[in-house]
Amino acid sequence: MIRTLVETGSTNSDLVAQLRAGEAVREGDWLVTDRQVAGRGRQGRTWFDGTGNFMGSTVVRLGSRDPAPASLALVAGLAAYEAVVPYLVEPGALQLKWPNDLFLGGAKLAGILLEREGDAIIVGMGINLARAPELPDRRTVALSALGPAPDRDGFAANLATAFDRELERWRTYGIEPLVRRWESVAHPPGTALTVHPPGEGPLHGTFAGLAPDGSLMLRLADGSTRAIHAGDVMLATEER
């Protein structure tokens, strides 16, 4: 089921509040809003209110046999990729950046934020269908730059289907095929990256694929490789 609001602060925050209040929040249901006035991104960033865009959240209920919860970031990225690619004439222009940012022609098309609440993971997505935000430090793009903006409700239904499918694959087959599929639609090995791990200065290197657990492998200038489990990643092509 997809429930739509005219306006809210943040669909992620709404679902967190429902979970904390003990309300029934079913896996597979989505909360979508026309306008979001207090949206949040990674690293504490605010997120564009995005009238005409997709802004919504869903919940994953963690089971004892599920793969590591951190790998849901890759699941969410692949679901967003699969939902967007049918709208493109040139699918090769669409790429994932670790762990789940979606890029079109080197500019940011979507952002995804995962938050944990007890045995649930809230997955929030913002995808630029009609308008792209103006950001001071990176280029952005909307699907409307390539043609008519997709219908938001139709896109929401497609995304919900894609997410259900990717979640089922994750539970059935585990992380290994997920990592391979993610790498197949990401920027290529050797891509220059700048990574800002929490509490550290920036690291400069090149993309060396993913570790078996889904961590980012960054090849440094001295030839060593470091596994990145958390941090903000920037492509040279997205910087202004």
C-alpha atoms as a PDB file:
ATOM      1  CA  MET A   1       0.000   0.000   0.000  1.00  0.00           C
ATOM      2  CA  ILE A   2       1.196   3.527  -0.793  1.00  0.00           C
ATOM      3  CA  ARG A   3      -0.135   6.256   1.499  1.00  0.00           C
ATOM      4  CA  THR A   4       0.211   9.829   0.258  1.00  0.00           C
ATOM      5  CA  LEU A   5       0.409  13.041   2.285  1.00  0.00           C
ATOM      6  CA  VAL A   6       0.082  16.599   0.983  1.00  0.00           C
ATOM      7  CA  GLU A   7       2.872  17.836   3.257  1.00  0.00           C
ATOM      8  CA  THR A   8       4.962  16.596   6.145  1.00  0.00           C
ATOM      9  CA  GLY A   9       8.248  17.328   7.862  1.00  0.00           C
ATOM     10  CA  SER A  10       9.988  14.081   6.929  1.00  0.00           C
ATOM     11  CA  THR A  11       8.532  10.725   5.887  1.00  0.00           C
ATOM     12  CA  ASN A  12      11.410   8.977   7.678  1.00  0.00           C
ATOM     13  CA  SER A  13      10.613  10.860  10.888  1.00  0.00           C
ATOM     14  CA  ASP A  14       6.919  10.040  10.522  1.00  0.00           C
ATOM     15  CA  LEU A  15       7.645   6.303  10.311  1.00  0.00           C
ATOM     16  CA  VAL A  16      10.076   6.486  13.243  1.00  0.00           C
ATOM     17  CA  ALA A  17       7.350   8.155  15.318  1.00  0.00           C
ATOM     18  CA  GLN A  18       4.823   5.466  14.341  1.00  0.00           C
ATOM     19  CA  LEU A  19       7.232   2.682  15.293  1.00  0.00           C
ATOM     20  CA  ARG A  20       8.042   4.306  18.635  1.00  0.00           C
ATOM     21  CA  ALA A  21       4.343   4.697  19.352  1.00  0.00           C
ATOM     22  CA  GLY A  22       3.825   0.981  18.736  1.00  0.00           C
ATOM     23  CA  GLU A  23       1.669   1.524  15.668  1.00  0.00           C
ATOM     24  CA  ALA A  24       1.472  -1.192  13.038  1.00  0.00           C
ATOM     25  CA  VAL A  25       3.811  -0.357  10.160  1.00  0.00           C
ATOM     26  CA  ARG A  26       3.800  -3.132   7.592  1.00  0.00           C
ATOM     27  CA  GLU A  27       6.828  -4.041   5.546  1.00  0.00           C
ATOM     28  CA  GLY A  28       6.092  -3.226   1.916  1.00  0.00           C
ATOM     29  CA  ASP A  29       3.951  -0.186   2.683  1.00  0.00           C
ATOM     30  CA  TRP A  30       5.222   3.255   1.664  1.00  0.00           C
ATOM     31  CA  LEU A  31       4.588   6.742   3.007  1.00  0.00           C
ATOM     32  CA  VAL A  32       4.922   9.308   0.189  1.00  0.00           C
ATOM     33  CA  THR A  33       4.504  13.068   0.384  1.00  0.00           C
ATOM     34  CA  ASP A  34       3.869  15.841  -2.127  1.00  0.00           C
ATOM     35  CA  ARG A  35       6.040  18.231  -0.142  1.00  0.00           C
ATOM     36  CA  GLN A  36       8.610  17.613   2.584  1.00  0.00           C
ATOM     37  CA  VAL A  37       9.643  20.601   4.691  1.00  0.00           C
ATOM     38  CA  ALA A  38      12.217  19.001   7.010  1.00  0.00           C
ATOM     39  CA  GLY A  39      13.761  16.288   4.877  1.00  0.00           C
ATOM     40  CA  ARG A  40      17.142  14.940   5.928  1.00  0.00           C
ATOM     41  CA  GLY A  41      20.088  13.455   4.093  1.00  0.00           C
ATOM     42  CA  ARG A  42      23.308  11.797   5.188  1.00  0.00           C
ATOM     43  CA  GLN A  43      25.806  13.748   7.304  1.00  0.00           C
ATOM     44  CA  GLY A  44      22.924  15.822   8.729  1.00  0.00           C
ATOM     45  CA  ARG A  45      22.161  17.648   5.467  1.00  0.00           C
ATOM     46  CA  THR A  46      18.736  19.073   4.823  1.00  0.00           C
ATOM     47  CA  TRP A  47      16.963  17.723   1.752  1.00  0.00           C
ATOM     48  CA  PHE A  48      15.134  19.701  -0.927  1.00  0.00           C
ATOM     49  CA  ASP A  49      11.340  19.848  -0.478  1.00  0.00           C
ATOM     50  CA  GLY A  50      11.075  18.747  -4.121  1.00  0.00           C
ATOM     51  CA  THR A  51       7.487  19.432  -5.175  1.00  0.00           C
ATOM     52  CA  GLY A  52       6.859  17.128  -8.153  1.00  0.00           C
ATOM     53  CA  ASN A  53       9.604  14.744  -7.113  1.00  0.00           C
ATOM     54  CA  PHE A  54       9.410  11.393  -5.383  1.00  0.00           C
ATOM     55  CA  MET A  55       9.862  11.646  -1.619  1.00  0.00           C
ATOM     56  CA  GLY A  56       8.943   8.617   0.414  1.00  0.00           C
ATOM     57  CA  SER A  57       9.916   6.022   2.989  1.00  0.00           C
ATOM     58  CA  THR A  58       9.297   2.376   3.774  1.00  0.00           C
ATOM     59  CA  VAL A  59      10.220  -0.067   6.522  1.00  0.00           C
ATOM     60  CA  VAL A  60      12.187  -3.318   6.452  1.00  0.00           C
ATOM     61  CA  ARG A  61      11.583  -5.679   9.360  1.00  0.00           C
ATOM     62  CA  LEU A  62      14.825  -7.466  10.198  1.00  0.00           C
ATOM     63  CA  GLY A  63      14.729 -11.217  10.660  1.00  0.00           C
ATOM     64  CA  SER A  64      17.248 -13.477  12.392  1.00  0.00           C
ATOM     65  CA  ARG A  65      18.281 -15.073   9.089  1.00  0.00           C
ATOM     66  CA  ASP A  66      18.577 -11.858   7.102  1.00  0.00           C
ATOM     67  CA  PRO A  67      21.982 -10.740   5.779  1.00  0.00           C
ATOM     68  CA  ALA A  68      23.818  -7.926   7.575  1.00  0.00           C
ATOM     69  CA  PRO A  69      21.523  -4.878   7.888  1.00  0.00           C
ATOM     70  CA  ALA A  70      24.210  -2.529   6.515  1.00  0.00           C
ATOM     71  CA  SER A  71      23.897  -4.236   3.128  1.00  0.00           C
ATOM     72  CA  LEU A  72      20.347  -2.879   2.823  1.00  0.00           C
ATOM     73  CA  ALA A  73      21.993   0.332   1.626  1.00  0.00           C
ATOM     74  CA  LEU A  74      23.020  -1.525  -1.529  1.00  0.00           C
ATOM     75  CA  VAL A  75      19.547  -3.065  -1.850  1.00  0.00           C
ATOM     76  CA  ALA A  76      17.962   0.387  -1.745  1.00  0.00           C
ATOM     77  CA  GLY A  77      20.380   1.738  -4.339  1.00  0.00           C
ATOM     78  CA  LEU A  78      19.675  -1.097  -6.755  1.00  0.00           C
ATOM     79  CA  ALA A  79      15.928  -0.689  -6.297  1.00  0.00           C
ATOM     80  CA  ALA A  80      16.159   3.011  -7.139  1.00  0.00           C
ATOM     81  CA  TYR A  81      18.330   2.205 -10.157  1.00  0.00           C
ATOM     82  CA  GLU A  82      15.857  -0.392 -11.445  1.00  0.00           C
ATOM     83  CA  ALA A  83      12.937   2.021 -10.988  1.00  0.00           C
ATOM     84  CA  VAL A  84      14.649   4.857 -12.887  1.00  0.00           C
ATOM     85  CA  VAL A  85      16.315   3.003 -15.772  1.00  0.00           C
ATOM     86  CA  PRO A  86      13.086   2.319 -17.772  1.00  0.00           C
ATOM     87  CA  TYR A  87      12.622   6.098 -18.165  1.00  0.00           C
ATOM     88  CA  LEU A  88      16.003   6.575 -19.875  1.00  0.00           C
ATOM     89  CA  VAL A  89      16.880   6.428 -23.558  1.00  0.00           C
ATOM     90  CA  GLU A  90      20.553   5.906 -22.607  1.00  0.00           C
ATOM     91  CA  PRO A  91      20.623   3.646 -19.514  1.00  0.00           C
ATOM     92  CA  GLY A  92      24.428   3.671 -19.498  1.00  0.00           C
ATOM     93  CA  ALA A  93      24.343   7.283 -18.251  1.00  0.00           C
ATOM     94  CA  LEU A  94      22.859   6.069 -14.944  1.00  0.00           C
ATOM     95  CA  GLN A  95      25.298   4.877 -12.282  1.00  0.00           C
ATOM     96  CA  LEU A  96      25.394   4.100  -8.584  1.00  0.00           C
ATOM     97  CA  LYS A  97      27.886   5.665  -6.181  1.00  0.00           C
ATOM     98  CA  TRP A  98      28.604   3.970  -2.866  1.00  0.00           C
ATOM     99  CA  PRO A  99      26.578   3.145  -1.017  1.00  0.00           C
ATOM    100  CA  ASN A 100      23.385   4.167  -2.811  1.00  0.00           C
ATOM    101  CA  ASP A 101      23.524   7.612  -4.452  1.00  0.00           C
ATOM    102  CA  LEU A 102      22.162   7.593  -7.994  1.00  0.00           C
ATOM    103  CA  PHE A 103      23.961   9.620 -10.666  1.00  0.00           C
ATOM    104  CA  LEU A 104      22.890  10.574 -14.161  1.00  0.00           C
ATOM    105  CA  GLY A 105      25.579  11.939 -16.449  1.00  0.00           C
ATOM    106  CA  GLY A 106      27.810  12.623 -13.453  1.00  0.00           C
ATOM    107  CA  ALA A 107      25.181  14.669 -11.558  1.00  0.00           C
ATOM    108  CA  LYS A 108      23.210  13.561  -8.501  1.00  0.00           C
ATOM    109  CA  LEU A 109      19.711  12.316  -9.303  1.00  0.00           C
ATOM    110  CA  ALA A 110      18.709  10.741  -6.007  1.00  0.00           C
ATOM    111  CA  GLY A 111      19.659  10.327  -2.377  1.00  0.00           C
ATOM    112  CA  ILE A 112      18.774   7.580   0.093  1.00  0.00           C
ATOM    113  CA  LEU A 113      18.855   7.613   3.895  1.00  0.00           C
ATOM    114  CA  LEU A 114      18.584   4.514   6.102  1.00  0.00           C
ATOM    115  CA  GLU A 115      17.840   4.748   9.835  1.00  0.00           C
ATOM    116  CA  ARG A 116      17.434   1.994  12.385  1.00  0.00           C
ATOM    117  CA  GLU A 117      14.646   1.831  14.944  1.00  0.00           C
ATOM    118  CA  GLY A 118      14.675  -1.359  16.999  1.00  0.00           C
ATOM    119  CA  ASP A 119      14.305  -4.346  14.675  1.00  0.00           C
ATOM    120  CA  ALA A 120      13.288  -2.135  11.752  1.00  0.00           C
ATOM    121  CA  ILE A 121      15.214  -0.182   9.137  1.00  0.00           C
ATOM    122  CA  ILE A 122      13.497   2.902   7.713  1.00  0.00           C
ATOM    123  CA  VAL A 123      14.506   3.498   4.095  1.00  0.00           C
ATOM    124  CA  GLY A 124      13.896   7.032   2.810  1.00  0.00           C
ATOM    125  CA  MET A 125      14.370   8.037  -0.815  1.00  0.00           C
ATOM    126  CA  GLY A 126      14.370  11.362  -2.616  1.00  0.00           C
ATOM    127  CA  ILE A 127      14.451  11.095  -6.414  1.00  0.00           C
ATOM    128  CA  ASN A 128      14.474  14.159  -8.672  1.00  0.00           C
ATOM    129  CA  LEU A 129      11.673  13.588 -11.156  1.00  0.00           C
ATOM    130  CA  ALA A 130      10.601  17.168 -11.910  1.00  0.00           C
ATOM    131  CA  ARG A 131      13.153  19.480 -10.280  1.00  0.00           C
ATOM    132  CA  ALA A 132      16.736  19.340  -9.047  1.00  0.00           C
ATOM    133  CA  PRO A 133      17.924  21.226  -5.969  1.00  0.00           C
ATOM    134  CA  GLU A 134      20.671  23.822  -6.202  1.00  0.00           C
ATOM    135  CA  LEU A 135      23.524  22.554  -4.028  1.00  0.00           C
ATOM    136  CA  PRO A 136      26.691  24.553  -3.350  1.00  0.00           C
ATOM    137  CA  ASP A 137      29.141  21.654  -3.565  1.00  0.00           C
ATOM    138  CA  ARG A 138      27.814  19.280  -6.234  1.00  0.00           C
ATOM    139  CA  ARG A 139      25.953  19.093  -9.520  1.00  0.00           C
ATOM    140  CA  THR A 140      22.375  17.830  -9.555  1.00  0.00           C
ATOM    141  CA  VAL A 141      19.903  16.750 -12.234  1.00  0.00           C
ATOM    142  CA  ALA A 142      16.228  15.789 -12.613  1.00  0.00           C
ATOM    143  CA  LEU A 143      14.676  13.351 -15.065  1.00  0.00           C
ATOM    144  CA  SER A 144      12.726  16.291 -16.511  1.00  0.00           C
ATOM    145  CA  ALA A 145      16.014  17.479 -18.051  1.00  0.00           C
ATOM    146  CA  LEU A 146      15.720  14.561 -20.496  1.00  0.00           C
ATOM    147  CA  GLY A 147      12.000  14.758 -21.274  1.00  0.00           C
ATOM    148  CA  PRO A 148       8.635  14.973 -19.522  1.00  0.00           C
ATOM    149  CA  ALA A 149       8.877  14.341 -15.805  1.00  0.00           C
ATOM    150  CA  PRO A 150       7.533  10.894 -14.843  1.00  0.00           C
ATOM    151  CA  ASP A 151       4.177  10.788 -13.104  1.00  0.00           C
ATOM    152  CA  ARG A 152       4.989  10.686  -9.407  1.00  0.00           C
ATOM    153  CA  ASP A 153       2.328   8.148  -8.447  1.00  0.00           C
ATOM    154  CA  GLY A 154       3.214   5.819 -11.307  1.00  0.00           C
ATOM    155  CA  PHE A 155       6.880   6.082 -10.391  1.00  0.00           C
ATOM    156  CA  ALA A 156       6.073   5.354  -6.730  1.00  0.00           C
ATOM    157  CA  ALA A 157       4.306   2.138  -7.724  1.00  0.00           C
ATOM    158  CA  ASN A 158       7.249   1.074  -9.886  1.00  0.00           C
ATOM    159  CA  LEU A 159       9.720   1.833  -7.109  1.00  0.00           C
ATOM    160  CA  ALA A 160       7.709  -0.131  -4.533  1.00  0.00           C
ATOM    161  CA  THR A 161       7.681  -3.139  -6.875  1.00  0.00           C
ATOM    162  CA  ALA A 162      11.428  -2.847  -7.540  1.00  0.00           C
ATOM    163  CA  PHE A 163      12.192  -2.563  -3.827  1.00  0.00           C
ATOM    164  CA  ASP A 164      10.106  -5.638  -2.973  1.00  0.00           C
ATOM    165  CA  ARG A 165      11.913  -7.608  -5.680  1.00  0.00           C
ATOM    166  CA  GLU A 166      15.398  -6.545  -4.517  1.00  0.00           C
ATOM    167  CA  LEU A 167      14.518  -7.255  -0.886  1.00  0.00           C
ATOM    168  CA  GLU A 168      13.394 -10.770  -1.789  1.00  0.00           C
ATOM    169  CA  ARG A 169      16.642 -11.394  -3.695  1.00  0.00           C
ATOM    170  CA  TRP A 170      18.631 -10.130  -0.702  1.00  0.00           C
ATOM    171  CA  ARG A 171      16.878 -12.540   1.635  1.00  0.00           C
ATOM    172  CA  THR A 172      17.005 -15.474  -0.756  1.00  0.00           C
ATOM    173  CA  TYR A 173      20.499 -15.230  -2.215  1.00  0.00           C
ATOM    174  CA  GLY A 174      22.460 -13.137   0.288  1.00  0.00           C
ATOM    175  CA  ILE A 175      25.106 -10.459  -0.167  1.00  0.00           C
ATOM    176  CA  GLU A 176      27.440 -12.004  -2.762  1.00  0.00           C
ATOM    177  CA  PRO A 177      25.176 -11.617  -5.834  1.00  0.00           C
ATOM    178  CA  LEU A 178      23.987  -8.264  -4.508  1.00  0.00           C
ATOM    179  CA  VAL A 179      27.572  -6.972  -4.492  1.00  0.00           C
ATOM    180  CA  ARG A 180      28.178  -8.259  -8.039  1.00  0.00           C
ATOM    181  CA  ARG A 181      25.026  -6.636  -9.376  1.00  0.00           C
ATOM    182  CA  TRP A 182      25.784  -3.362  -7.613  1.00  0.00           C
ATOM    183  CA  GLU A 183      29.287  -3.252  -9.085  1.00  0.00           C
ATOM    184  CA  SER A 184      27.896  -3.900 -12.579  1.00  0.00           C
ATOM    185  CA  VAL A 185      25.952  -0.607 -12.562  1.00  0.00           C
ATOM    186  CA  ALA A 186      28.398   1.533 -10.566  1.00  0.00           C
ATOM    187  CA  HIS A 187      31.151   3.829 -11.801  1.00  0.00           C
ATOM    188  CA  PRO A 188      34.073   1.716 -13.099  1.00  0.00           C
ATOM    189  CA  PRO A 189      37.146   0.618 -11.129  1.00  0.00           C
ATOM    190  CA  GLY A 190      39.802   3.305 -11.191  1.00  0.00           C
ATOM    191  CA  THR A 191      37.307   6.157 -10.820  1.00  0.00           C
ATOM    192  CA  ALA A 192      38.802   8.966  -8.731  1.00  0.00           C
ATOM    193  CA  LEU A 193      37.073   9.368  -5.350  1.00  0.00           C
ATOM    194  CA  THR A 194      37.368  11.609  -2.325  1.00  0.00           C
ATOM    195  CA  VAL A 195      36.108   9.989   0.870  1.00  0.00           C
ATOM    196  CA  HIS A 196      35.388  11.764   4.163  1.00  0.00           C
ATOM    197  CA  PRO A 197      35.290   9.050   6.860  1.00  0.00           C
ATOM    198  CA  PRO A 198      33.681  10.094  10.172  1.00  0.00           C
ATOM    199  CA  GLY A 199      36.175  11.931  12.372  1.00  0.00           C
ATOM    200  CA  GLU A 200      38.925  11.959   9.736  1.00  0.00           C
ATOM    201  CA  GLY A 201      40.224  14.248   7.068  1.00  0.00           C
ATOM    202  CA  PRO A 202      39.552  13.533   3.390  1.00  0.00           C
ATOM    203  CA  LEU A 203      41.075  10.488   1.708  1.00  0.00           C
ATOM    204  CA  HIS A 204      41.887  10.616  -1.993  1.00  0.00           C
ATOM    205  CA  GLY A 205      42.094   7.469  -4.065  1.00  0.00           C
ATOM    206  CA  THR A 206      40.426   5.374  -6.720  1.00  0.00           C
ATOM    207  CA  PHE A 207      37.514   2.959  -6.664  1.00  0.00           C
ATOM    208  CA  ALA A 208      38.700  -0.663  -6.260  1.00  0.00           C
ATOM    209  CA  GLY A 209      35.306  -2.362  -6.093  1.00  0.00           C
ATOM    210  CA  LEU A 210      33.419  -3.606  -3.065  1.00  0.00           C
ATOM    211  CA  ALA A 211      34.526  -5.958  -0.302  1.00  0.00           C
ATOM    212  CA  PRO A 212      32.481  -9.157   0.184  1.00  0.00           C
ATOM    213  CA  ASP A 213      30.490  -7.425   2.949  1.00  0.00           C
ATOM    214  CA  GLY A 214      29.631  -4.470   0.670  1.00  0.00           C
ATOM    215  CA  SER A 215      32.212  -2.018   2.052  1.00  0.00           C
ATOM    216  CA  LEU A 216      33.871   0.383  -0.381  1.00  0.00           C
ATOM    217  CA  MET A 217      37.447  -0.483  -1.316  1.00  0.00           C
ATOM    218  CA  LEU A 218      39.558   2.645  -1.843  1.00  0.00           C
ATOM    219  CA  ARG A 219      42.981   2.308  -3.466  1.00  0.00           C
ATOM    220  CA  LEU A 220      45.312   4.948  -2.057  1.00  0.00           C
ATOM    221  CA  ALA A 221      48.261   6.657  -3.747  1.00  0.00           C
ATOM    222  CA  ASP A 222      50.792   4.376  -2.017  1.00  0.00           C
ATOM    223  CA  GLY A 223      49.136   1.324  -3.574  1.00  0.00           C
ATOM    224  CA  SER A 224      47.442   0.122  -0.389  1.00  0.00           C
ATOM    225  CA  THR A 225      43.697  -0.489  -0.238  1.00  0.00           C
ATOM    226  CA  ARG A 226      41.466   0.639   2.578  1.00  0.00           C
ATOM    227  CA  ALA A 227      37.968  -0.652   3.345  1.00  0.00           C
ATOM    228  CA  ILE A 228      35.479   2.166   3.938  1.00  0.00           C
ATOM    229  CA  HIS A 229      32.530   1.200   6.127  1.00  0.00           C
ATOM    230  CA  ALA A 230      31.065   4.705   6.514  1.00  0.00           C
ATOM    231  CA  GLY A 231      31.706   8.131   5.083  1.00  0.00           C
ATOM    232  CA  ASP A 232      30.760  10.708   2.494  1.00  0.00           C
ATOM    233  CA  VAL A 233      32.016   9.865  -1.007  1.00  0.00           C
ATOM    234  CA  MET A 234      32.503  12.400  -3.789  1.00  0.00           C
ATOM    235  CA  LEU A 235      33.173  11.840  -7.479  1.00  0.00           C
ATOM    236  CA  ALA A 236      35.288  14.401  -9.277  1.00  0.00           C
ATOM    237  CA  THR A 237      32.506  14.747 -11.884  1.00  0.00           C
ATOM    238  CA  GLU A 238      29.893  15.835  -9.347  1.00  0.00           C
ATOM    239  CA  GLU A 239      31.881  18.676  -7.816  1.00  0.00           C
ATOM    240  CA  ARG A 240      31.129  22.194  -8.973  1.00  0.00           C
END
